[in-house]
Amino acid sequence: MYLAKEILLTMRTSDIIKEIKRLPVSKRIYVVEKTMRSIREQEDENNMKEAADALLLDYKTNTELTVFTNLDFEGFYETK
């Protein structure tokens, strides 16, 4: 897998597209699906980081948002 990444790093976008076009349709679909999944995962990660950064000040300064964290170290007993 490392070698494949190394090869892709040295190829230009147009070269990659040419090589993908040479693949059978099923393999081309696989490449597209994997690429889209990778893009979505990266986008989700970036969105979550931005959201956490945006809320950080609120959690540091607004005690109403953190009032229940005082209970985190108390014993928890489930009733049946």
N, C-alpha and C. Protein backbone atom coordinates (compact mmCIF):
# COMPACT_ATOMS: atom_id res chain seq x y z
N MET A 1 0.83 -1.19 0.00
CA MET A 1 0.00 0.00 0.00
C MET A 1 0.87 1.25 0.00
N TYR A 2 1.98 1.22 0.73
CA TYR A 2 2.87 2.38 0.77
C TYR A 2 3.41 2.71 -0.61
N LEU A 3 3.77 1.67 -1.36
CA LEU A 3 4.30 1.88 -2.70
C LEU A 3 3.26 2.55 -3.60
N ALA A 4 2.01 2.15 -3.47
CA ALA A 4 0.94 2.75 -4.27
C ALA A 4 0.81 4.23 -3.94
N LYS A 5 0.90 4.58 -2.69
CA LYS A 5 0.82 6.00 -2.29
C LYS A 5 2.02 6.76 -2.84
N GLU A 6 3.17 6.15 -2.79
CA GLU A 6 4.39 6.78 -3.30
C GLU A 6 4.26 7.06 -4.80
N ILE A 7 3.72 6.10 -5.53
CA ILE A 7 3.54 6.28 -6.97
C ILE A 7 2.54 7.39 -7.25
N LEU A 8 1.45 7.40 -6.51
CA LEU A 8 0.43 8.42 -6.72
C LEU A 8 0.96 9.82 -6.41
N LEU A 9 1.86 9.93 -5.46
CA LEU A 9 2.40 11.23 -5.12
C LEU A 9 3.26 11.81 -6.24
N THR A 10 3.85 10.94 -7.03
CA THR A 10 4.71 11.43 -8.10
C THR A 10 3.95 11.65 -9.40
N MET A 11 2.70 11.23 -9.45
CA MET A 11 1.90 11.39 -10.67
C MET A 11 1.14 12.71 -10.63
N ARG A 12 0.93 13.25 -11.80
CA ARG A 12 0.10 14.44 -11.90
C ARG A 12 -1.36 14.01 -11.96
N THR A 13 -2.25 14.94 -11.69
CA THR A 13 -3.67 14.64 -11.71
C THR A 13 -4.10 14.06 -13.06
N SER A 14 -3.64 14.65 -14.13
CA SER A 14 -4.02 14.15 -15.46
C SER A 14 -3.54 12.72 -15.67
N ASP A 15 -2.37 12.38 -15.14
CA ASP A 15 -1.86 11.01 -15.25
C ASP A 15 -2.74 10.03 -14.46
N ILE A 16 -3.14 10.46 -13.28
CA ILE A 16 -3.99 9.61 -12.44
C ILE A 16 -5.32 9.35 -13.15
N ILE A 17 -5.90 10.40 -13.72
CA ILE A 17 -7.17 10.24 -14.43
C ILE A 17 -7.02 9.30 -15.63
N LYS A 18 -5.94 9.43 -16.36
CA LYS A 18 -5.70 8.53 -17.49
C LYS A 18 -5.63 7.08 -17.03
N GLU A 19 -4.93 6.85 -15.92
CA GLU A 19 -4.80 5.48 -15.41
C GLU A 19 -6.14 4.95 -14.92
N ILE A 20 -6.92 5.79 -14.28
CA ILE A 20 -8.24 5.36 -13.81
C ILE A 20 -9.13 4.99 -14.99
N LYS A 21 -9.05 5.75 -16.05
CA LYS A 21 -9.85 5.45 -17.24
C LYS A 21 -9.52 4.10 -17.84
N ARG A 22 -8.32 3.63 -17.61
CA ARG A 22 -7.90 2.33 -18.15
C ARG A 22 -8.45 1.15 -17.34
N LEU A 23 -8.94 1.43 -16.15
CA LEU A 23 -9.47 0.36 -15.28
C LEU A 23 -10.84 -0.10 -15.76
N PRO A 24 -11.21 -1.33 -15.40
CA PRO A 24 -12.58 -1.78 -15.67
C PRO A 24 -13.56 -0.92 -14.85
N VAL A 25 -14.79 -0.86 -15.30
CA VAL A 25 -15.79 0.00 -14.66
C VAL A 25 -15.92 -0.29 -13.16
N SER A 26 -15.94 -1.55 -12.78
CA SER A 26 -16.11 -1.89 -11.36
C SER A 26 -14.96 -1.31 -10.51
N LYS A 27 -13.75 -1.36 -11.03
CA LYS A 27 -12.61 -0.80 -10.31
C LYS A 27 -12.67 0.72 -10.27
N ARG A 28 -13.16 1.32 -11.35
CA ARG A 28 -13.30 2.78 -11.39
C ARG A 28 -14.31 3.23 -10.35
N ILE A 29 -15.42 2.50 -10.25
CA ILE A 29 -16.43 2.83 -9.24
C ILE A 29 -15.84 2.69 -7.84
N TYR A 30 -15.05 1.65 -7.63
CA TYR A 30 -14.39 1.44 -6.34
C TYR A 30 -13.50 2.63 -5.99
N VAL A 31 -12.71 3.09 -6.95
CA VAL A 31 -11.82 4.24 -6.72
C VAL A 31 -12.63 5.48 -6.36
N VAL A 32 -13.71 5.70 -7.09
CA VAL A 32 -14.56 6.87 -6.81
C VAL A 32 -15.18 6.78 -5.43
N GLU A 33 -15.70 5.61 -5.08
CA GLU A 33 -16.32 5.43 -3.76
C GLU A 33 -15.31 5.66 -2.64
N LYS A 34 -14.13 5.09 -2.77
CA LYS A 34 -13.11 5.27 -1.74
C LYS A 34 -12.68 6.74 -1.63
N THR A 35 -12.57 7.39 -2.76
CA THR A 35 -12.18 8.80 -2.76
C THR A 35 -13.25 9.66 -2.11
N MET A 36 -14.50 9.42 -2.46
CA MET A 36 -15.61 10.19 -1.87
C MET A 36 -15.69 9.95 -0.35
N ARG A 37 -15.51 8.71 0.06
CA ARG A 37 -15.54 8.41 1.50
C ARG A 37 -14.42 9.15 2.22
N SER A 38 -13.26 9.17 1.64
CA SER A 38 -12.13 9.86 2.23
C SER A 38 -12.41 11.36 2.35
N ILE A 39 -12.99 11.93 1.31
CA ILE A 39 -13.32 13.37 1.33
C ILE A 39 -14.36 13.65 2.40
N ARG A 40 -15.39 12.81 2.48
CA ARG A 40 -16.44 13.02 3.50
C ARG A 40 -15.87 12.91 4.91
N GLU A 41 -15.03 11.92 5.14
CA GLU A 41 -14.45 11.74 6.47
C GLU A 41 -13.60 12.95 6.86
N GLN A 42 -12.81 13.45 5.92
CA GLN A 42 -11.98 14.62 6.20
C GLN A 42 -12.85 15.84 6.45
N GLU A 43 -13.91 15.98 5.67
CA GLU A 43 -14.83 17.12 5.85
C GLU A 43 -15.52 17.04 7.21
N ASP A 44 -15.98 15.85 7.59
CA ASP A 44 -16.62 15.66 8.89
C ASP A 44 -15.66 16.02 10.01
N GLU A 45 -14.44 15.55 9.89
CA GLU A 45 -13.43 15.83 10.91
C GLU A 45 -13.18 17.33 11.03
N ASN A 46 -13.06 18.00 9.89
CA ASN A 46 -12.86 19.45 9.91
C ASN A 46 -14.05 20.18 10.51
N ASN A 47 -15.26 19.75 10.16
CA ASN A 47 -16.46 20.39 10.70
C ASN A 47 -16.56 20.22 12.21
N MET A 48 -16.24 19.01 12.70
CA MET A 48 -16.30 18.78 14.14
C MET A 48 -15.26 19.62 14.87
N LYS A 49 -14.08 19.75 14.30
CA LYS A 49 -13.04 20.56 14.93
C LYS A 49 -13.46 22.02 14.97
N GLU A 50 -14.02 22.52 13.87
CA GLU A 50 -14.49 23.91 13.83
C GLU A 50 -15.59 24.14 14.86
N ALA A 51 -16.53 23.19 14.98
CA ALA A 51 -17.62 23.32 15.94
C ALA A 51 -17.08 23.31 17.37
N ALA A 52 -16.15 22.43 17.65
CA ALA A 52 -15.56 22.38 18.99
C ALA A 52 -14.82 23.66 19.31
N ASP A 53 -14.07 24.17 18.35
CA ASP A 53 -13.35 25.42 18.56
C ASP A 53 -14.32 26.58 18.80
N ALA A 54 -15.44 26.58 18.06
CA ALA A 54 -16.41 27.67 18.20
C ALA A 54 -17.08 27.64 19.58
N LEU A 55 -17.26 26.46 20.15
CA LEU A 55 -17.94 26.34 21.44
C LEU A 55 -17.00 26.39 22.64
N LEU A 56 -15.72 26.33 22.41
CA LEU A 56 -14.76 26.26 23.51
C LEU A 56 -14.90 27.42 24.48
N LEU A 57 -14.98 28.62 23.98
CA LEU A 57 -15.10 29.79 24.85
C LEU A 57 -16.39 29.72 25.67
N ASP A 58 -17.49 29.29 25.05
CA ASP A 58 -18.75 29.17 25.79
C ASP A 58 -18.61 28.19 26.95
N TYR A 59 -17.98 27.06 26.72
CA TYR A 59 -17.82 26.08 27.78
C TYR A 59 -16.86 26.54 28.87
N LYS A 60 -15.92 27.40 28.51
CA LYS A 60 -14.98 27.91 29.51
C LYS A 60 -15.62 28.99 30.38
N THR A 61 -16.57 29.73 29.83
CA THR A 61 -17.11 30.89 30.55
C THR A 61 -18.54 30.74 31.03
N ASN A 62 -19.33 29.85 30.47
CA ASN A 62 -20.74 29.72 30.82
C ASN A 62 -20.92 28.51 31.73
N THR A 63 -21.12 28.76 33.02
CA THR A 63 -21.23 27.66 33.99
C THR A 63 -22.50 26.84 33.79
N GLU A 64 -23.51 27.41 33.17
CA GLU A 64 -24.72 26.63 32.92
C GLU A 64 -24.44 25.44 31.99
N LEU A 65 -23.45 25.57 31.12
CA LEU A 65 -23.13 24.48 30.20
C LEU A 65 -22.33 23.37 30.86
N THR A 66 -21.68 23.68 31.97
CA THR A 66 -20.83 22.67 32.62
C THR A 66 -21.30 22.30 34.02
N VAL A 67 -22.50 22.72 34.41
CA VAL A 67 -22.98 22.48 35.76
C VAL A 67 -23.05 20.98 36.09
N PHE A 68 -23.38 20.14 35.15
CA PHE A 68 -23.52 18.71 35.43
C PHE A 68 -22.18 17.97 35.44
N THR A 69 -21.11 18.61 35.04
CA THR A 69 -19.82 17.93 35.09
C THR A 69 -19.36 17.69 36.52
N ASN A 70 -19.95 18.40 37.49
CA ASN A 70 -19.63 18.16 38.90
C ASN A 70 -20.07 16.76 39.32
N LEU A 71 -21.01 16.19 38.61
CA LEU A 71 -21.52 14.86 38.94
C LEU A 71 -20.68 13.74 38.33
N ASP A 72 -19.74 14.06 37.50
CA ASP A 72 -18.98 13.04 36.78
C ASP A 72 -18.26 12.05 37.69
N PHE A 73 -17.86 12.47 38.87
CA PHE A 73 -17.07 11.59 39.73
C PHE A 73 -17.90 10.96 40.84
N GLU A 74 -19.20 11.20 40.84
CA GLU A 74 -20.07 10.57 41.83
C GLU A 74 -20.41 9.16 41.37
N GLY A 75 -20.71 8.30 42.33
CA GLY A 75 -21.08 6.93 41.99
C GLY A 75 -22.38 6.88 41.21
N PHE A 76 -22.47 5.96 40.31
CA PHE A 76 -23.69 5.80 39.51
C PHE A 76 -24.24 4.41 39.78
N TYR A 77 -25.50 4.38 40.15
CA TYR A 77 -26.14 3.10 40.44
C TYR A 77 -27.38 2.98 39.58
N GLU A 78 -27.43 1.94 38.80
CA GLU A 78 -28.57 1.71 37.93
C GLU A 78 -29.66 0.99 38.71
N THR A 79 -30.89 1.47 38.58
CA THR A 79 -32.01 0.78 39.23
C THR A 79 -32.66 -0.15 38.23
N LYS A 80 -33.16 -1.24 38.74
CA LYS A 80 -33.81 -2.22 37.86
C LYS A 80 -35.29 -2.25 38.09
